[in-house]
Amino acid sequence: MAREVLKKACLICGKPFKTIDPDRTHCKDCMENTCVICGKKFKSNDPHRVRCTGCMERTCPVCGTKFKPEDWRQIHCTSDCARKNGDMIKKRNNSIREAAKRPETKERHKKANKEINSRPEVKKAKSIYMSQQMHGEHGNRLREAAHTPESTEKMRQKLKKIRLGENNPCWRGGVSFLPYCEKFNHNLRERVRARFKYECVLCHKTQAENGKALTIHHVDYDKDACCNTHDALFVTLCKNCHPKTNGSDDRRLQWELFFRYYITLGYNNKCYYTKEEMTDLMAGHPK
C-alpha cells in the first residue's frame, strides 16, 4: 500500500508543504540539521543526513581518490571520472547488446522461446492475458462498434502482432525468457532482501505490504552477473515499482546510475549479506 501524502504547515515560516513523513515539521527551506563533526548548522531535505558538505569525505569509484564533495549528491571526484564511469557502463551495455545480435545467440533465444511457449502454463497465461484484454477497455470498444465475430478475431490478431514478440517496443531478443545464472538462487535472493531490510528501495513498501516476496532487480540488467566478471549488484523492488525500471536504453542507463549511486552512498557498495553474516543475523547476534 502506497504511503499517504500529508499536507502540513511549516512551524517556522508557516508555508504549506507536502510530505509522506508524519514526523516532519519543517519545509525544505527551513529544515536544518547539525553536523556531527564540526557542529555547523546546514539545510538539507534529508532528515537523516548527519554531515555537512565540508565534512563529507568520499572515495571516487573510478580512480579511488578521496575527496570532499561540493554537493551531497556528488560521487565522483571530477567531471572526467563521472564521464569515464558513464562511458564504461555504455561500453559494457553495448557489448551485451552486440552479443545478443549474434546469430548463435538469436538461435539460442529462439530455441528457448519455443520451449517456453510450448509449456501449458505459459499457454494458459497468454490465454488469460488476451481474455482480459478483450473483456477490458478494448472489449468495450468492440461491443460499442458492434463488430462481427470475423472482425473481432481480426482485431484480436492485430493486437497480438502489435504487442508480442519483436513488435514490442521493449523487445530485446527474448532475453527475459533466458535462465538466470545458477548462483542466483533462493539463498542469495534472501540475503539481498535481508540487506535492504525487506523493503522496496523506491517506495519503501515492506514485503508484507507487497503481498509476496520482493523482486530482486539486476542493476546492470545482466542475468549472468553472478557468473561472469561483471559486478553483481542487486536491489529489492515491489511488484509495482519493478516494471518502472524497464524501457528504452537511455531510461535503463538512468536507472542503473541511480541504483549504483544509491548502493554506494547508502550501503557502502554492498547489496547482500555473506552466508556467515546471514547465519549470524538469523541467530540474533549479527557482527
Protein backbone atom coordinates (compact mmCIF):
# COMPACT_ATOMS: atom_id res chain seq x y z
CA MET A 1 0.00 0.00 0.00
CA ALA A 2 1.42 3.39 -1.04
CA ARG A 3 2.15 5.93 1.66
CA GLU A 4 -0.34 8.74 2.16
CA VAL A 5 0.77 12.23 1.13
CA LEU A 6 0.22 14.61 4.06
CA LYS A 7 -0.34 18.36 3.85
CA LYS A 8 1.34 20.32 6.66
CA ALA A 9 2.36 23.87 7.54
CA CYS A 10 5.97 24.76 8.40
CA LEU A 11 6.42 25.64 12.10
CA ILE A 12 8.97 28.37 11.21
CA CYS A 13 7.74 30.20 8.11
CA GLY A 14 4.16 28.90 8.00
CA LYS A 15 4.35 27.85 4.36
CA PRO A 16 2.31 24.76 3.39
CA PHE A 17 4.22 21.72 2.14
CA LYS A 18 3.55 18.09 1.25
CA THR A 19 5.34 15.10 2.77
CA ILE A 20 4.94 11.36 3.39
CA ASP A 21 6.85 11.58 6.70
CA PRO A 22 4.36 12.09 9.57
CA ASP A 23 7.15 13.36 11.88
CA ARG A 24 8.37 16.14 9.56
CA THR A 25 7.52 19.64 10.80
CA HIS A 26 9.58 21.97 8.57
CA CYS A 27 9.56 22.79 4.87
CA LYS A 28 12.67 22.22 2.76
CA ASP A 29 13.71 25.89 3.03
CA CYS A 30 13.67 25.84 6.83
CA MET A 31 14.89 22.32 7.56
CA GLU A 32 18.22 22.44 9.41
CA ASN A 33 20.49 19.63 10.57
CA THR A 34 23.58 19.78 12.81
CA CYS A 35 26.85 18.32 11.53
CA VAL A 36 28.15 15.65 13.93
CA ILE A 37 31.78 16.57 13.10
CA CYS A 38 32.04 20.37 13.05
CA GLY A 39 28.73 21.24 14.72
CA LYS A 40 27.67 23.66 11.99
CA LYS A 41 24.03 24.10 11.04
CA PHE A 42 23.16 23.22 7.45
CA LYS A 43 19.98 22.85 5.42
CA SER A 44 19.06 19.52 3.93
CA ASN A 45 15.96 17.83 2.52
CA ASP A 46 17.14 14.57 4.10
CA PRO A 47 16.36 14.46 7.86
CA HIS A 48 18.76 11.51 8.29
CA ARG A 49 21.80 13.38 6.94
CA VAL A 50 24.33 13.97 9.75
CA ARG A 51 27.29 15.63 7.98
CA CYS A 52 27.61 18.95 6.20
CA THR A 53 29.15 19.17 2.74
CA GLY A 54 32.54 20.33 4.06
CA CYS A 55 32.93 17.31 6.37
CA MET A 56 31.92 14.55 3.97
CA GLU A 57 34.81 12.53 2.55
CA ARG A 58 34.17 10.02 -0.19
CA THR A 59 36.18 7.73 -2.45
CA CYS A 60 35.82 8.11 -6.20
CA PRO A 61 34.62 4.76 -7.64
CA VAL A 62 36.69 5.32 -10.84
CA CYS A 63 40.16 6.49 -9.73
CA GLY A 64 39.98 5.72 -5.97
CA THR A 65 40.89 9.27 -4.95
CA LYS A 66 39.49 10.52 -1.64
CA PHE A 67 37.78 13.91 -1.91
CA LYS A 68 35.30 16.22 -0.19
CA PRO A 69 32.27 16.73 -2.41
CA GLU A 70 30.84 20.15 -3.17
CA ASP A 71 27.35 18.67 -3.06
CA TRP A 72 25.96 15.69 -1.13
CA ARG A 73 24.91 14.05 -4.41
CA GLN A 74 28.44 14.10 -5.87
CA ILE A 75 30.00 10.62 -6.08
CA HIS A 76 32.93 11.31 -8.47
CA CYS A 77 35.95 13.49 -7.75
CA THR A 78 35.87 15.24 -11.14
CA SER A 79 33.60 15.50 -14.15
CA ASP A 80 36.15 13.45 -16.13
CA CYS A 81 35.70 10.49 -13.76
CA ALA A 82 31.91 10.83 -14.00
CA ARG A 83 32.20 10.82 -17.80
CA LYS A 84 34.54 7.80 -17.72
CA ASN A 85 32.11 5.90 -15.49
CA GLY A 86 29.24 6.61 -17.87
CA ASP A 87 31.39 5.60 -20.86
CA MET A 88 32.38 2.32 -19.18
CA ILE A 89 28.75 1.48 -18.45
CA LYS A 90 27.73 2.33 -22.03
CA LYS A 91 30.60 0.25 -23.42
CA ARG A 92 29.61 -2.75 -21.30
CA ASN A 93 25.95 -2.41 -22.26
CA ASN A 94 26.91 -2.14 -25.94
CA SER A 95 28.93 -5.36 -25.64
CA ILE A 96 25.92 -7.10 -24.11
CA ARG A 97 23.66 -5.85 -26.92
CA GLU A 98 26.18 -6.87 -29.58
CA ALA A 99 26.34 -10.36 -28.07
CA ALA A 100 22.53 -10.55 -28.25
CA LYS A 101 22.64 -9.78 -32.01
CA ARG A 102 24.94 -12.68 -32.91
CA PRO A 103 23.34 -15.50 -34.96
CA GLU A 104 24.18 -18.18 -32.39
CA THR A 105 22.64 -16.05 -29.62
CA LYS A 106 19.48 -15.44 -31.64
CA GLU A 107 19.22 -19.15 -32.39
CA ARG A 108 19.61 -19.98 -28.69
CA HIS A 109 16.96 -17.40 -27.79
CA LYS A 110 14.62 -18.75 -30.47
CA LYS A 111 15.04 -22.29 -29.18
CA ALA A 112 14.47 -21.18 -25.59
CA ASN A 113 11.36 -19.17 -26.57
CA LYS A 114 9.94 -22.12 -28.47
CA GLU A 115 10.48 -24.42 -25.49
CA ILE A 116 8.94 -21.93 -23.05
CA ASN A 117 5.94 -21.11 -25.25
CA SER A 118 5.14 -24.82 -25.55
CA ARG A 119 4.59 -25.15 -21.80
CA PRO A 120 0.94 -25.50 -20.72
CA GLU A 121 1.23 -22.85 -18.00
CA VAL A 122 2.59 -20.31 -20.50
CA LYS A 123 -0.21 -21.01 -22.97
CA LYS A 124 -2.74 -20.64 -20.18
CA ALA A 125 -1.20 -17.33 -19.06
CA LYS A 126 -1.30 -15.95 -22.61
CA SER A 127 -4.90 -17.05 -22.95
CA ILE A 128 -5.85 -15.29 -19.71
CA TYR A 129 -3.98 -12.14 -20.80
CA MET A 130 -5.79 -11.98 -24.14
CA SER A 131 -9.11 -12.66 -22.41
CA GLN A 132 -8.53 -9.77 -20.01
CA GLN A 133 -7.62 -7.50 -22.90
CA MET A 134 -10.75 -8.40 -24.82
CA HIS A 135 -13.04 -8.01 -21.79
CA GLY A 136 -11.49 -4.72 -20.68
CA GLU A 137 -11.31 -1.36 -22.43
CA HIS A 138 -10.66 -2.90 -25.85
CA GLY A 139 -13.64 -5.20 -25.44
CA ASN A 140 -15.93 -2.25 -24.67
CA ARG A 141 -14.83 -0.51 -27.85
CA LEU A 142 -15.53 -3.62 -29.88
CA ARG A 143 -19.01 -4.03 -28.39
CA GLU A 144 -19.82 -0.37 -28.96
CA ALA A 145 -18.84 -0.69 -32.61
CA ALA A 146 -20.97 -3.87 -32.94
CA HIS A 147 -18.21 -5.90 -34.61
CA THR A 148 -18.95 -9.22 -36.19
CA PRO A 149 -17.11 -12.36 -34.97
CA GLU A 150 -14.85 -12.16 -38.03
CA SER A 151 -13.84 -8.56 -37.39
CA THR A 152 -13.37 -9.32 -33.68
CA GLU A 153 -10.96 -12.14 -34.50
CA LYS A 154 -9.17 -9.89 -36.99
CA MET A 155 -8.75 -7.17 -34.36
CA ARG A 156 -7.53 -9.73 -31.83
CA GLN A 157 -4.84 -10.99 -34.18
CA LYS A 158 -3.82 -7.41 -34.98
CA LEU A 159 -3.40 -6.55 -31.30
CA LYS A 160 -1.45 -9.76 -30.76
CA LYS A 161 1.01 -8.86 -33.53
CA ILE A 162 1.44 -5.33 -32.18
CA ARG A 163 2.22 -6.31 -28.59
CA LEU A 164 4.00 -9.65 -28.75
CA GLY A 165 7.48 -10.65 -29.83
CA GLU A 166 9.75 -8.40 -31.86
CA ASN A 167 6.99 -5.81 -32.37
CA ASN A 168 7.02 -4.97 -28.68
CA PRO A 169 8.97 -1.73 -28.02
CA CYS A 170 10.75 -3.43 -25.08
CA TRP A 171 11.78 -6.50 -27.12
CA ARG A 172 15.45 -7.43 -26.61
CA GLY A 173 15.78 -10.68 -28.46
CA GLY A 174 13.87 -12.72 -25.89
CA VAL A 175 16.45 -12.32 -23.10
CA SER A 176 13.66 -12.20 -20.50
CA PHE A 177 12.98 -15.91 -21.14
CA LEU A 178 16.59 -16.97 -20.65
CA PRO A 179 17.52 -18.69 -17.35
CA TYR A 180 19.45 -16.87 -14.64
CA CYS A 181 22.96 -17.77 -13.51
CA GLU A 182 22.91 -20.85 -11.25
CA LYS A 183 24.50 -18.79 -8.44
CA PHE A 184 21.45 -16.51 -8.42
CA ASN A 185 19.49 -18.90 -6.22
CA HIS A 186 16.94 -18.63 -3.41
CA ASN A 187 19.64 -18.27 -0.75
CA LEU A 188 21.27 -15.29 -2.49
CA ARG A 189 17.91 -13.59 -3.07
CA GLU A 190 17.05 -13.91 0.63
CA ARG A 191 20.41 -12.38 1.58
CA VAL A 192 19.71 -9.43 -0.75
CA ARG A 193 16.24 -8.90 0.80
CA ALA A 194 17.74 -9.03 4.30
CA ARG A 195 20.39 -6.47 3.34
CA PHE A 196 17.69 -3.97 2.31
CA LYS A 197 15.58 -4.85 5.37
CA TYR A 198 12.85 -6.46 3.28
CA GLU A 199 11.75 -3.09 1.83
CA CYS A 200 11.36 -1.73 -1.70
CA VAL A 201 14.19 0.75 -2.28
CA LEU A 202 11.91 3.14 -4.22
CA CYS A 203 8.61 3.32 -2.30
CA HIS A 204 9.84 1.61 0.93
CA LYS A 205 6.91 -0.81 0.85
CA THR A 206 7.59 -3.80 3.09
CA GLN A 207 7.45 -7.39 1.93
CA ALA A 208 4.27 -7.94 3.97
CA GLU A 209 2.60 -4.96 2.28
CA ASN A 210 3.73 -6.25 -1.11
CA GLY A 211 1.77 -9.47 -0.58
CA LYS A 212 4.62 -11.70 -1.77
CA ALA A 213 8.41 -11.87 -1.78
CA LEU A 214 10.07 -8.70 -3.09
CA THR A 215 11.58 -8.90 -6.58
CA ILE A 216 15.38 -8.87 -6.88
CA HIS A 217 16.34 -6.46 -9.68
CA HIS A 218 19.67 -6.77 -11.54
CA VAL A 219 21.10 -3.24 -11.55
CA ASP A 220 23.06 -3.81 -14.79
CA TYR A 221 20.27 -5.88 -16.45
CA ASP A 222 22.65 -8.84 -16.87
CA LYS A 223 21.27 -12.25 -15.88
CA ASP A 224 24.80 -13.72 -15.82
CA ALA A 225 26.11 -11.07 -13.41
CA CYS A 226 26.95 -13.71 -10.78
CA CYS A 227 28.82 -15.97 -13.21
CA ASN A 228 30.86 -13.51 -15.29
CA THR A 229 33.40 -10.84 -14.38
CA HIS A 230 30.81 -8.05 -14.01
CA ASP A 231 29.98 -6.68 -10.58
CA ALA A 232 26.83 -8.33 -9.23
CA LEU A 233 24.64 -5.51 -7.91
CA PHE A 234 21.03 -6.02 -6.84
CA VAL A 235 18.20 -4.05 -5.26
CA THR A 236 14.81 -5.07 -3.90
CA LEU A 237 11.69 -3.77 -5.67
CA CYS A 238 7.97 -4.33 -5.12
CA LYS A 239 5.61 -5.58 -7.81
CA ASN A 240 4.53 -2.03 -8.69
CA CYS A 241 8.00 -0.42 -8.87
CA HIS A 242 9.83 -3.16 -10.78
CA PRO A 243 8.08 -2.50 -14.15
CA LYS A 244 9.20 1.15 -13.95
CA THR A 245 12.84 0.10 -14.45
CA ASN A 246 12.19 -1.26 -17.97
CA GLY A 247 12.04 0.79 -21.16
CA SER A 248 14.49 2.38 -23.60
CA ASP A 249 18.28 2.14 -23.36
CA ASP A 250 18.56 5.72 -22.05
CA ARG A 251 15.94 5.05 -19.38
CA ARG A 252 17.70 1.86 -18.29
CA LEU A 253 21.01 3.71 -18.09
CA GLN A 254 19.40 6.35 -15.85
CA TRP A 255 18.03 3.68 -13.51
CA GLU A 256 21.39 1.87 -13.45
CA LEU A 257 23.28 5.04 -12.50
CA PHE A 258 20.67 5.85 -9.84
CA PHE A 259 20.82 2.40 -8.21
CA ARG A 260 24.64 2.36 -8.32
CA TYR A 261 24.72 5.73 -6.56
CA TYR A 262 22.08 4.52 -4.06
CA ILE A 263 24.05 1.37 -3.17
CA THR A 264 27.39 3.23 -2.99
CA LEU A 265 26.11 6.02 -0.76
CA GLY A 266 23.62 4.20 1.45
CA TYR A 267 25.05 0.67 1.68
CA ASN A 268 28.81 1.10 1.14
CA ASN A 269 28.61 -0.63 -2.26
CA LYS A 270 27.39 -3.86 -0.62
CA CYS A 271 23.99 -5.15 -1.71
CA TYR A 272 23.79 -8.55 0.03
CA TYR A 273 24.98 -10.32 3.16
CA THR A 274 27.53 -13.11 3.06
CA LYS A 275 26.44 -16.56 4.19
CA GLU A 276 28.25 -16.13 7.50
CA GLU A 277 26.64 -12.73 8.12
CA MET A 278 23.22 -14.15 7.26
CA THR A 279 23.74 -17.03 9.70
CA ASP A 280 24.69 -14.58 12.48
CA LEU A 281 21.70 -12.40 11.59
CA MET A 282 19.28 -15.33 11.81
CA ALA A 283 20.86 -16.36 15.12
CA GLY A 284 20.14 -12.91 16.54
CA HIS A 285 23.71 -11.67 17.04
CA PRO A 286 24.96 -10.01 13.83
CA LYS A 287 28.55 -8.86 13.67
